[in-house]
Amino acid sequence: MVLDEVGIEGRCTFANMLKYIKMTASSNLGIVFSVLIASVFLPFLPFLPMLPLYLLIQNLMYAISQLAIPLDNVDNDQIAHPQRWNSGGIGYFMLFFGPIISLFDVLTFSLM
């Protein structure tokens, strides 16, 4: 019985770890896109939209928001069977949500 509980807890930990990696990787990709887009328009902007201090504060706030992931419930289908590391799924998640994050950054730049 104890080994079953340990196995289930390990599967929950692995699922939450995948959530964290997907969200962090897509956020960082979005920030990279935002910095690249801002650097193209930098000579025309009256301010610096992505100073290093802004990036550090943004990463700190993002890391604080990630503290809830270990307490998140995992779906039963994720713990029913052992999961494997799927780097393709992480890449797809990054390429889908990274540009969306960057789009909101660019909209914020344009409003400022």
N, C-alpha and C. Protein backbone atom coordinates (compact mmCIF):
# COMPACT_ATOMS: atom_id res chain seq x y z
N MET A 1 0.82 -1.19 0.00
CA MET A 1 0.00 0.00 0.00
C MET A 1 0.86 1.26 0.00
N VAL A 2 1.93 1.24 0.77
CA VAL A 2 2.79 2.42 0.84
C VAL A 2 3.47 2.66 -0.50
N LEU A 3 3.90 1.60 -1.16
CA LEU A 3 4.56 1.75 -2.45
C LEU A 3 3.59 2.29 -3.50
N ASP A 4 2.33 1.89 -3.43
CA ASP A 4 1.34 2.44 -4.36
C ASP A 4 1.18 3.94 -4.16
N GLU A 5 1.11 4.37 -2.90
CA GLU A 5 0.96 5.80 -2.61
C GLU A 5 2.18 6.59 -3.05
N VAL A 6 3.36 6.00 -2.87
CA VAL A 6 4.60 6.67 -3.30
C VAL A 6 4.62 6.79 -4.82
N GLY A 7 4.20 5.75 -5.52
CA GLY A 7 4.17 5.82 -6.98
C GLY A 7 3.19 6.87 -7.48
N ILE A 8 2.03 6.96 -6.85
CA ILE A 8 1.04 7.98 -7.24
C ILE A 8 1.57 9.37 -6.95
N GLU A 9 2.21 9.54 -5.80
CA GLU A 9 2.77 10.86 -5.47
C GLU A 9 3.89 11.24 -6.43
N GLY A 10 4.68 10.28 -6.84
CA GLY A 10 5.73 10.54 -7.84
C GLY A 10 5.15 10.95 -9.18
N ARG A 11 4.05 10.32 -9.59
CA ARG A 11 3.39 10.69 -10.84
C ARG A 11 2.80 12.10 -10.75
N CYS A 12 2.25 12.44 -9.59
CA CYS A 12 1.73 13.81 -9.39
C CYS A 12 2.86 14.83 -9.46
N THR A 13 3.98 14.51 -8.84
CA THR A 13 5.13 15.41 -8.87
C THR A 13 5.64 15.59 -10.29
N PHE A 14 5.71 14.51 -11.04
CA PHE A 14 6.18 14.59 -12.42
C PHE A 14 5.24 15.43 -13.27
N ALA A 15 3.92 15.24 -13.10
CA ALA A 15 2.94 16.02 -13.86
C ALA A 15 3.05 17.50 -13.52
N ASN A 16 3.20 17.84 -12.25
CA ASN A 16 3.35 19.24 -11.87
C ASN A 16 4.66 19.82 -12.37
N MET A 17 5.71 19.01 -12.39
CA MET A 17 6.99 19.46 -12.92
C MET A 17 6.86 19.80 -14.41
N LEU A 18 6.14 18.98 -15.15
CA LEU A 18 5.92 19.26 -16.58
C LEU A 18 5.14 20.55 -16.77
N LYS A 19 4.15 20.81 -15.90
CA LYS A 19 3.40 22.06 -15.98
C LYS A 19 4.35 23.25 -15.79
N TYR A 20 5.20 23.16 -14.79
CA TYR A 20 6.12 24.26 -14.50
C TYR A 20 7.07 24.50 -15.67
N ILE A 21 7.64 23.43 -16.22
CA ILE A 21 8.59 23.57 -17.32
C ILE A 21 7.91 24.16 -18.55
N LYS A 22 6.71 23.69 -18.87
CA LYS A 22 5.99 24.23 -20.03
C LYS A 22 5.70 25.72 -19.86
N MET A 23 5.22 26.10 -18.69
CA MET A 23 4.86 27.50 -18.48
C MET A 23 6.09 28.40 -18.46
N THR A 24 7.16 27.94 -17.83
CA THR A 24 8.37 28.75 -17.76
C THR A 24 9.02 28.89 -19.13
N ALA A 25 9.10 27.80 -19.87
CA ALA A 25 9.72 27.85 -21.19
C ALA A 25 8.92 28.75 -22.14
N SER A 26 7.60 28.66 -22.11
CA SER A 26 6.81 29.50 -23.01
C SER A 26 6.90 30.97 -22.60
N SER A 27 6.96 31.25 -21.30
CA SER A 27 7.12 32.64 -20.85
C SER A 27 8.47 33.21 -21.29
N ASN A 28 9.52 32.43 -21.12
CA ASN A 28 10.84 32.91 -21.51
C ASN A 28 10.93 33.12 -23.03
N LEU A 29 10.31 32.24 -23.80
CA LEU A 29 10.30 32.42 -25.25
C LEU A 29 9.54 33.69 -25.62
N GLY A 30 8.43 33.95 -24.94
CA GLY A 30 7.68 35.17 -25.19
C GLY A 30 8.48 36.42 -24.85
N ILE A 31 9.24 36.36 -23.77
CA ILE A 31 10.09 37.51 -23.40
C ILE A 31 11.17 37.73 -24.44
N VAL A 32 11.75 36.65 -24.96
CA VAL A 32 12.78 36.78 -25.99
C VAL A 32 12.18 37.44 -27.23
N PHE A 33 11.00 36.99 -27.66
CA PHE A 33 10.33 37.62 -28.80
C PHE A 33 10.07 39.10 -28.53
N SER A 34 9.62 39.41 -27.33
CA SER A 34 9.32 40.81 -26.98
C SER A 34 10.57 41.68 -27.04
N VAL A 35 11.68 41.18 -26.54
CA VAL A 35 12.93 41.94 -26.58
C VAL A 35 13.38 42.13 -28.02
N LEU A 36 13.25 41.10 -28.85
CA LEU A 36 13.63 41.24 -30.26
C LEU A 36 12.76 42.27 -30.98
N ILE A 37 11.47 42.21 -30.74
CA ILE A 37 10.57 43.18 -31.38
C ILE A 37 10.85 44.58 -30.87
N ALA A 38 11.07 44.73 -29.58
CA ALA A 38 11.36 46.05 -29.01
C ALA A 38 12.68 46.60 -29.53
N SER A 39 13.66 45.72 -29.76
CA SER A 39 14.95 46.20 -30.25
C SER A 39 14.86 46.70 -31.69
N VAL A 40 13.92 46.18 -32.46
CA VAL A 40 13.73 46.66 -33.83
C VAL A 40 13.20 48.09 -33.82
N PHE A 41 12.26 48.36 -32.92
CA PHE A 41 11.64 49.67 -32.85
C PHE A 41 12.29 50.60 -31.84
N LEU A 42 13.38 50.19 -31.22
CA LEU A 42 14.02 50.97 -30.16
C LEU A 42 14.43 52.38 -30.58
N PRO A 43 14.97 52.59 -31.78
CA PRO A 43 15.33 53.97 -32.14
C PRO A 43 14.12 54.90 -32.23
N PHE A 44 12.92 54.36 -32.42
CA PHE A 44 11.73 55.18 -32.57
C PHE A 44 10.96 55.37 -31.27
N LEU A 45 11.34 54.61 -30.23
CA LEU A 45 10.61 54.68 -28.97
C LEU A 45 11.25 55.71 -28.05
N PRO A 46 10.43 56.49 -27.34
CA PRO A 46 10.98 57.49 -26.42
C PRO A 46 11.40 56.89 -25.09
N PHE A 47 11.25 55.59 -24.88
CA PHE A 47 11.62 54.94 -23.63
C PHE A 47 12.21 53.56 -23.93
N LEU A 48 12.83 52.99 -22.95
CA LEU A 48 13.37 51.64 -23.09
C LEU A 48 12.38 50.66 -22.48
N PRO A 49 11.68 49.88 -23.30
CA PRO A 49 10.61 49.04 -22.76
C PRO A 49 11.07 47.82 -21.98
N MET A 50 12.24 47.31 -22.25
CA MET A 50 12.67 46.09 -21.58
C MET A 50 14.07 46.25 -20.97
N LEU A 51 14.18 47.11 -20.00
CA LEU A 51 15.44 47.25 -19.28
C LEU A 51 15.71 45.96 -18.49
N PRO A 52 16.97 45.68 -18.19
CA PRO A 52 17.27 44.46 -17.42
C PRO A 52 16.52 44.40 -16.09
N LEU A 53 16.34 45.53 -15.44
CA LEU A 53 15.60 45.53 -14.18
C LEU A 53 14.15 45.11 -14.41
N TYR A 54 13.53 45.54 -15.51
CA TYR A 54 12.16 45.14 -15.81
C TYR A 54 12.08 43.63 -16.04
N LEU A 55 13.06 43.08 -16.73
CA LEU A 55 13.06 41.64 -16.97
C LEU A 55 13.21 40.87 -15.68
N LEU A 56 14.07 41.35 -14.79
CA LEU A 56 14.25 40.67 -13.50
C LEU A 56 12.99 40.74 -12.65
N ILE A 57 12.34 41.90 -12.63
CA ILE A 57 11.10 42.02 -11.87
C ILE A 57 10.01 41.14 -12.47
N GLN A 58 9.94 41.10 -13.79
CA GLN A 58 8.94 40.26 -14.44
C GLN A 58 9.19 38.78 -14.13
N ASN A 59 10.44 38.35 -14.15
CA ASN A 59 10.75 36.96 -13.82
C ASN A 59 10.47 36.66 -12.36
N LEU A 60 10.73 37.61 -11.47
CA LEU A 60 10.45 37.41 -10.05
C LEU A 60 8.94 37.28 -9.82
N MET A 61 8.17 38.15 -10.43
CA MET A 61 6.71 38.06 -10.26
C MET A 61 6.18 36.76 -10.85
N TYR A 62 6.74 36.33 -11.95
CA TYR A 62 6.32 35.08 -12.57
C TYR A 62 6.67 33.89 -11.68
N ALA A 63 7.86 33.92 -11.08
CA ALA A 63 8.28 32.83 -10.19
C ALA A 63 7.38 32.77 -8.96
N ILE A 64 6.98 33.91 -8.45
CA ILE A 64 6.07 33.91 -7.29
C ILE A 64 4.73 33.31 -7.67
N SER A 65 4.26 33.59 -8.86
CA SER A 65 2.98 33.02 -9.29
C SER A 65 3.07 31.51 -9.49
N GLN A 66 4.26 31.00 -9.72
CA GLN A 66 4.45 29.56 -9.93
C GLN A 66 4.45 28.76 -8.63
N LEU A 67 4.43 29.44 -7.48
CA LEU A 67 4.44 28.74 -6.20
C LEU A 67 3.18 27.91 -5.98
N ALA A 68 2.12 28.18 -6.70
CA ALA A 68 0.87 27.43 -6.55
C ALA A 68 0.89 26.08 -7.26
N ILE A 69 1.82 25.87 -8.16
CA ILE A 69 1.82 24.62 -8.95
C ILE A 69 1.99 23.37 -8.08
N PRO A 70 2.86 23.33 -7.07
CA PRO A 70 2.95 22.10 -6.27
C PRO A 70 1.65 21.74 -5.55
N LEU A 71 0.80 22.70 -5.31
CA LEU A 71 -0.46 22.44 -4.63
C LEU A 71 -1.60 22.12 -5.59
N ASP A 72 -1.31 22.14 -6.89
CA ASP A 72 -2.33 21.91 -7.91
C ASP A 72 -2.73 20.44 -7.94
N ASN A 73 -4.00 20.21 -8.19
CA ASN A 73 -4.49 18.83 -8.33
C ASN A 73 -4.14 18.31 -9.72
N VAL A 74 -3.85 17.04 -9.80
CA VAL A 74 -3.49 16.39 -11.05
C VAL A 74 -4.67 15.53 -11.49
N ASP A 75 -4.97 15.54 -12.78
CA ASP A 75 -6.07 14.74 -13.31
C ASP A 75 -5.79 13.26 -13.12
N ASN A 76 -6.86 12.49 -12.97
CA ASN A 76 -6.72 11.05 -12.75
C ASN A 76 -6.08 10.34 -13.93
N ASP A 77 -6.32 10.82 -15.16
CA ASP A 77 -5.72 10.16 -16.32
C ASP A 77 -4.21 10.36 -16.38
N GLN A 78 -3.69 11.39 -15.71
CA GLN A 78 -2.25 11.60 -15.68
C GLN A 78 -1.54 10.70 -14.67
N ILE A 79 -2.27 10.24 -13.66
CA ILE A 79 -1.63 9.38 -12.67
C ILE A 79 -2.03 7.91 -12.83
N ALA A 80 -2.91 7.61 -13.78
CA ALA A 80 -3.34 6.23 -13.98
C ALA A 80 -2.19 5.38 -14.54
N HIS A 81 -1.38 5.98 -15.40
CA HIS A 81 -0.27 5.25 -16.03
C HIS A 81 0.98 6.10 -15.93
N PRO A 82 2.15 5.49 -15.90
CA PRO A 82 3.40 6.27 -15.88
C PRO A 82 3.53 7.12 -17.15
N GLN A 83 4.02 8.34 -16.99
CA GLN A 83 4.22 9.22 -18.13
C GLN A 83 5.68 9.20 -18.54
N ARG A 84 5.92 9.55 -19.77
CA ARG A 84 7.28 9.68 -20.27
C ARG A 84 7.57 11.14 -20.58
N TRP A 85 8.85 11.47 -20.59
CA TRP A 85 9.28 12.81 -20.94
C TRP A 85 9.00 13.02 -22.42
N ASN A 86 8.23 14.03 -22.75
CA ASN A 86 7.86 14.31 -24.14
C ASN A 86 8.31 15.72 -24.47
N SER A 87 9.49 15.83 -25.06
CA SER A 87 10.01 17.16 -25.38
C SER A 87 9.24 17.80 -26.53
N GLY A 88 8.62 17.02 -27.37
CA GLY A 88 7.82 17.58 -28.47
C GLY A 88 6.60 18.33 -27.95
N GLY A 89 5.98 17.81 -26.91
CA GLY A 89 4.84 18.50 -26.31
C GLY A 89 5.24 19.82 -25.69
N ILE A 90 6.41 19.85 -25.09
CA ILE A 90 6.91 21.09 -24.50
C ILE A 90 7.21 22.11 -25.59
N GLY A 91 7.82 21.65 -26.68
CA GLY A 91 8.12 22.54 -27.80
C GLY A 91 6.86 23.12 -28.43
N TYR A 92 5.85 22.28 -28.59
CA TYR A 92 4.58 22.76 -29.16
C TYR A 92 3.94 23.80 -28.23
N PHE A 93 3.96 23.53 -26.93
CA PHE A 93 3.39 24.46 -25.95
C PHE A 93 4.12 25.80 -26.00
N MET A 94 5.46 25.73 -26.11
CA MET A 94 6.26 26.96 -26.19
C MET A 94 5.93 27.75 -27.44
N LEU A 95 5.88 27.07 -28.58
CA LEU A 95 5.64 27.76 -29.85
C LEU A 95 4.21 28.28 -29.97
N PHE A 96 3.30 27.73 -29.19
CA PHE A 96 1.92 28.22 -29.23
C PHE A 96 1.73 29.41 -28.29
N PHE A 97 2.18 29.27 -27.04
CA PHE A 97 1.92 30.31 -26.05
C PHE A 97 2.99 31.40 -25.99
N GLY A 98 4.20 31.13 -26.44
CA GLY A 98 5.26 32.15 -26.44
C GLY A 98 4.89 33.38 -27.25
N PRO A 99 4.46 33.21 -28.51
CA PRO A 99 4.05 34.39 -29.29
C PRO A 99 2.83 35.10 -28.71
N ILE A 100 1.93 34.38 -28.05
CA ILE A 100 0.78 35.03 -27.43
C ILE A 100 1.24 35.94 -26.30
N ILE A 101 2.18 35.48 -25.49
CA ILE A 101 2.75 36.30 -24.42
C ILE A 101 3.43 37.52 -25.01
N SER A 102 4.17 37.31 -26.08
CA SER A 102 4.86 38.42 -26.74
C SER A 102 3.87 39.42 -27.32
N LEU A 103 2.76 38.94 -27.85
CA LEU A 103 1.73 39.83 -28.39
C LEU A 103 1.21 40.78 -27.32
N PHE A 104 0.96 40.26 -26.12
CA PHE A 104 0.49 41.12 -25.04
C PHE A 104 1.56 42.10 -24.60
N ASP A 105 2.82 41.69 -24.63
CA ASP A 105 3.91 42.62 -24.32
C ASP A 105 3.96 43.76 -25.34
N VAL A 106 3.83 43.41 -26.62
CA VAL A 106 3.88 44.43 -27.67
C VAL A 106 2.68 45.37 -27.55
N LEU A 107 1.50 44.83 -27.23
CA LEU A 107 0.34 45.69 -27.01
C LEU A 107 0.57 46.64 -25.84
N THR A 108 1.22 46.15 -24.81
CA THR A 108 1.55 47.02 -23.67
C THR A 108 2.54 48.09 -24.09
N PHE A 109 3.54 47.73 -24.89
CA PHE A 109 4.50 48.72 -25.39
C PHE A 109 3.78 49.81 -26.19
N SER A 110 2.85 49.38 -27.04
CA SER A 110 2.17 50.35 -27.91
C SER A 110 1.26 51.27 -27.09
N LEU A 111 0.69 50.78 -26.01
CA LEU A 111 -0.12 51.64 -25.16
C LEU A 111 0.71 52.66 -24.39
N MET A 112 1.93 52.29 -24.11
CA MET A 112 2.80 53.19 -23.37
C MET A 112 3.38 54.22 -24.30
